[in-house]
Every structure is written in C-alpha cells, then in structure tokens.
Amino acid sequence: MAALIWIGAGLTLAGLAALAWCILVALRARRAGLEGPAMEARLRRLVALNLGALAVSAIGLMLVVTGVILG
C-alpha cells in the first residue's frame, strides 16, 4: 500500500503545481491590463485547466487516504 500512498502524493503535488500555475497565469493577465473579451477568453481557457488540476489533486488525496486506510 506504500506505492498507493506515493502515487497519490505525486498526483496531489502535480495538481497543486498546476493550480499554482493557473494562479500565476491569471495574475499575469490581470497585470497585463486585459479587459473585456480578451480577459474573458484567457480566463475561460484557464477555468477548464483549473478544474482539471483540482480534480487531479483530489484524486491524489483520495489515493493517499485509501492507502493509509488499507495499510
């Protein structure tokens, strides 16, 4: 079950890294002074990536908890 914990931890860290990247991209868009449709287009693509990163992180946490419970 140790492998399950490590795989889950890796997925969680990958998801958190992607979430941090999403935050940085949104901050760069804000600092660039984008407004209206340009900002909306950039953030619309970012929302999908953000939700995917959150899902990967949540799955990783579920694997960690499952590995701890079974181990």
N, C-alpha and C. Protein backbone atom coordinates (compact mmCIF):
# COMPACT_ATOMS: atom_id res chain seq x y z
N MET A 1 0.81 -1.20 0.00
CA MET A 1 0.00 0.00 0.00
C MET A 1 0.85 1.27 0.00
N ALA A 2 2.13 1.09 0.26
CA ALA A 2 3.02 2.26 0.25
C ALA A 2 3.09 2.88 -1.14
N ALA A 3 3.02 2.05 -2.17
CA ALA A 3 3.05 2.57 -3.54
C ALA A 3 1.83 3.42 -3.81
N LEU A 4 0.69 3.01 -3.29
CA LEU A 4 -0.55 3.77 -3.48
C LEU A 4 -0.43 5.15 -2.84
N ILE A 5 0.19 5.19 -1.68
CA ILE A 5 0.39 6.47 -0.99
C ILE A 5 1.32 7.38 -1.79
N TRP A 6 2.41 6.82 -2.30
CA TRP A 6 3.36 7.63 -3.06
C TRP A 6 2.78 8.12 -4.39
N ILE A 7 2.04 7.26 -5.06
CA ILE A 7 1.39 7.67 -6.30
C ILE A 7 0.39 8.78 -6.03
N GLY A 8 -0.39 8.62 -4.96
CA GLY A 8 -1.36 9.65 -4.58
C GLY A 8 -0.69 10.96 -4.21
N ALA A 9 0.43 10.88 -3.51
CA ALA A 9 1.16 12.09 -3.15
C ALA A 9 1.70 12.79 -4.39
N GLY A 10 2.18 12.01 -5.35
CA GLY A 10 2.67 12.59 -6.59
C GLY A 10 1.56 13.28 -7.38
N LEU A 11 0.40 12.64 -7.45
CA LEU A 11 -0.73 13.27 -8.14
C LEU A 11 -1.18 14.54 -7.43
N THR A 12 -1.19 14.50 -6.12
CA THR A 12 -1.59 15.68 -5.36
C THR A 12 -0.63 16.83 -5.60
N LEU A 13 0.66 16.55 -5.58
CA LEU A 13 1.65 17.61 -5.83
C LEU A 13 1.56 18.14 -7.26
N ALA A 14 1.31 17.25 -8.21
CA ALA A 14 1.15 17.70 -9.60
C ALA A 14 -0.08 18.60 -9.73
N GLY A 15 -1.17 18.23 -9.07
CA GLY A 15 -2.37 19.05 -9.10
C GLY A 15 -2.15 20.40 -8.45
N LEU A 16 -1.44 20.42 -7.34
CA LEU A 16 -1.16 21.69 -6.66
C LEU A 16 -0.24 22.57 -7.49
N ALA A 17 0.72 21.96 -8.18
CA ALA A 17 1.59 22.74 -9.06
C ALA A 17 0.80 23.36 -10.21
N ALA A 18 -0.14 22.60 -10.75
CA ALA A 18 -0.98 23.13 -11.83
C ALA A 18 -1.88 24.25 -11.32
N LEU A 19 -2.37 24.11 -10.10
CA LEU A 19 -3.19 25.18 -9.51
C LEU A 19 -2.36 26.45 -9.32
N ALA A 20 -1.14 26.29 -8.87
CA ALA A 20 -0.26 27.46 -8.70
C ALA A 20 0.03 28.11 -10.05
N TRP A 21 0.21 27.29 -11.09
CA TRP A 21 0.45 27.83 -12.42
C TRP A 21 -0.77 28.62 -12.91
N CYS A 22 -1.97 28.10 -12.63
CA CYS A 22 -3.20 28.81 -13.01
C CYS A 22 -3.27 30.17 -12.32
N ILE A 23 -2.90 30.23 -11.07
CA ILE A 23 -2.91 31.49 -10.34
C ILE A 23 -1.93 32.47 -10.98
N LEU A 24 -0.74 31.99 -11.31
CA LEU A 24 0.26 32.87 -11.94
C LEU A 24 -0.21 33.39 -13.29
N VAL A 25 -0.84 32.54 -14.09
CA VAL A 25 -1.34 32.97 -15.40
C VAL A 25 -2.43 34.02 -15.23
N ALA A 26 -3.32 33.83 -14.26
CA ALA A 26 -4.39 34.80 -14.02
C ALA A 26 -3.81 36.13 -13.54
N LEU A 27 -2.80 36.08 -12.68
CA LEU A 27 -2.18 37.32 -12.22
C LEU A 27 -1.47 38.05 -13.35
N ARG A 28 -0.81 37.29 -14.24
CA ARG A 28 -0.16 37.92 -15.39
C ARG A 28 -1.17 38.58 -16.31
N ALA A 29 -2.32 37.94 -16.49
CA ALA A 29 -3.36 38.53 -17.34
C ALA A 29 -3.90 39.80 -16.71
N ARG A 30 -4.03 39.79 -15.40
CA ARG A 30 -4.53 40.98 -14.70
C ARG A 30 -3.52 42.12 -14.79
N ARG A 31 -2.24 41.79 -14.61
CA ARG A 31 -1.20 42.82 -14.66
C ARG A 31 -0.99 43.35 -16.07
N ALA A 32 -1.35 42.54 -17.08
CA ALA A 32 -1.21 42.99 -18.46
C ALA A 32 -2.28 44.01 -18.82
N GLY A 33 -3.25 44.17 -17.94
CA GLY A 33 -4.28 45.17 -18.17
C GLY A 33 -5.35 44.73 -19.15
N LEU A 34 -5.50 43.43 -19.33
CA LEU A 34 -6.54 42.94 -20.24
C LEU A 34 -7.92 43.25 -19.67
N GLU A 35 -8.82 43.61 -20.55
CA GLU A 35 -10.19 43.90 -20.13
C GLU A 35 -11.16 43.32 -21.14
N GLY A 36 -12.38 43.14 -20.72
CA GLY A 36 -13.45 42.73 -21.61
C GLY A 36 -13.24 41.37 -22.22
N PRO A 37 -13.48 41.28 -23.53
CA PRO A 37 -13.44 39.97 -24.20
C PRO A 37 -12.06 39.29 -24.15
N ALA A 38 -11.00 40.06 -24.18
CA ALA A 38 -9.66 39.45 -24.14
C ALA A 38 -9.42 38.76 -22.80
N MET A 39 -9.79 39.42 -21.72
CA MET A 39 -9.63 38.82 -20.39
C MET A 39 -10.56 37.61 -20.24
N GLU A 40 -11.78 37.75 -20.74
CA GLU A 40 -12.74 36.66 -20.63
C GLU A 40 -12.26 35.43 -21.40
N ALA A 41 -11.69 35.62 -22.58
CA ALA A 41 -11.20 34.50 -23.38
C ALA A 41 -10.05 33.79 -22.67
N ARG A 42 -9.15 34.57 -22.09
CA ARG A 42 -8.00 33.96 -21.41
C ARG A 42 -8.44 33.21 -20.16
N LEU A 43 -9.35 33.80 -19.41
CA LEU A 43 -9.79 33.15 -18.18
C LEU A 43 -10.69 31.94 -18.45
N ARG A 44 -11.42 31.98 -19.56
CA ARG A 44 -12.29 30.85 -19.90
C ARG A 44 -11.46 29.59 -20.12
N ARG A 45 -10.33 29.73 -20.83
CA ARG A 45 -9.45 28.58 -21.02
C ARG A 45 -8.81 28.15 -19.71
N LEU A 46 -8.54 29.10 -18.86
CA LEU A 46 -7.87 28.82 -17.59
C LEU A 46 -8.79 28.09 -16.62
N VAL A 47 -10.08 28.36 -16.69
CA VAL A 47 -11.03 27.71 -15.78
C VAL A 47 -11.04 26.20 -16.01
N ALA A 48 -11.02 25.78 -17.27
CA ALA A 48 -11.01 24.35 -17.56
C ALA A 48 -9.75 23.68 -17.00
N LEU A 49 -8.61 24.31 -17.17
CA LEU A 49 -7.37 23.77 -16.63
C LEU A 49 -7.40 23.76 -15.11
N ASN A 50 -7.96 24.80 -14.52
CA ASN A 50 -8.06 24.90 -13.08
C ASN A 50 -8.90 23.76 -12.51
N LEU A 51 -10.04 23.49 -13.13
CA LEU A 51 -10.90 22.40 -12.66
C LEU A 51 -10.22 21.05 -12.83
N GLY A 52 -9.49 20.87 -13.92
CA GLY A 52 -8.75 19.63 -14.12
C GLY A 52 -7.67 19.43 -13.07
N ALA A 53 -6.96 20.51 -12.75
CA ALA A 53 -5.91 20.43 -11.73
C ALA A 53 -6.51 20.12 -10.36
N LEU A 54 -7.65 20.70 -10.08
CA LEU A 54 -8.32 20.43 -8.81
C LEU A 54 -8.76 18.97 -8.74
N ALA A 55 -9.25 18.45 -9.86
CA ALA A 55 -9.67 17.04 -9.89
C ALA A 55 -8.49 16.10 -9.69
N VAL A 56 -7.37 16.39 -10.33
CA VAL A 56 -6.17 15.54 -10.18
C VAL A 56 -5.70 15.57 -8.73
N SER A 57 -5.71 16.74 -8.13
CA SER A 57 -5.29 16.87 -6.74
C SER A 57 -6.23 16.09 -5.81
N ALA A 58 -7.52 16.18 -6.06
CA ALA A 58 -8.49 15.47 -5.23
C ALA A 58 -8.34 13.95 -5.38
N ILE A 59 -8.12 13.48 -6.60
CA ILE A 59 -7.92 12.04 -6.81
C ILE A 59 -6.65 11.58 -6.09
N GLY A 60 -5.61 12.39 -6.14
CA GLY A 60 -4.39 12.05 -5.42
C GLY A 60 -4.61 11.95 -3.92
N LEU A 61 -5.37 12.89 -3.38
CA LEU A 61 -5.66 12.83 -1.95
C LEU A 61 -6.50 11.60 -1.60
N MET A 62 -7.43 11.24 -2.49
CA MET A 62 -8.22 10.03 -2.25
C MET A 62 -7.33 8.79 -2.25
N LEU A 63 -6.36 8.75 -3.14
CA LEU A 63 -5.44 7.60 -3.16
C LEU A 63 -4.60 7.54 -1.90
N VAL A 64 -4.16 8.68 -1.41
CA VAL A 64 -3.37 8.72 -0.18
C VAL A 64 -4.22 8.20 0.99
N VAL A 65 -5.42 8.67 1.11
CA VAL A 65 -6.29 8.24 2.22
C VAL A 65 -6.60 6.76 2.09
N THR A 66 -6.86 6.28 0.88
CA THR A 66 -7.13 4.86 0.68
C THR A 66 -5.91 4.02 1.05
N GLY A 67 -4.73 4.46 0.66
CA GLY A 67 -3.51 3.74 1.01
C GLY A 67 -3.27 3.72 2.52
N VAL A 68 -3.57 4.80 3.19
CA VAL A 68 -3.39 4.84 4.64
C VAL A 68 -4.39 3.93 5.34
N ILE A 69 -5.63 3.94 4.88
CA ILE A 69 -6.65 3.10 5.50
C ILE A 69 -6.35 1.60 5.27
N LEU A 70 -5.94 1.26 4.05
CA LEU A 70 -5.66 -0.14 3.75
C LEU A 70 -4.32 -0.61 4.32
N GLY A 71 -3.42 0.33 4.54
CA GLY A 71 -2.07 -0.03 5.01
C GLY A 71 -2.05 -0.13 6.46
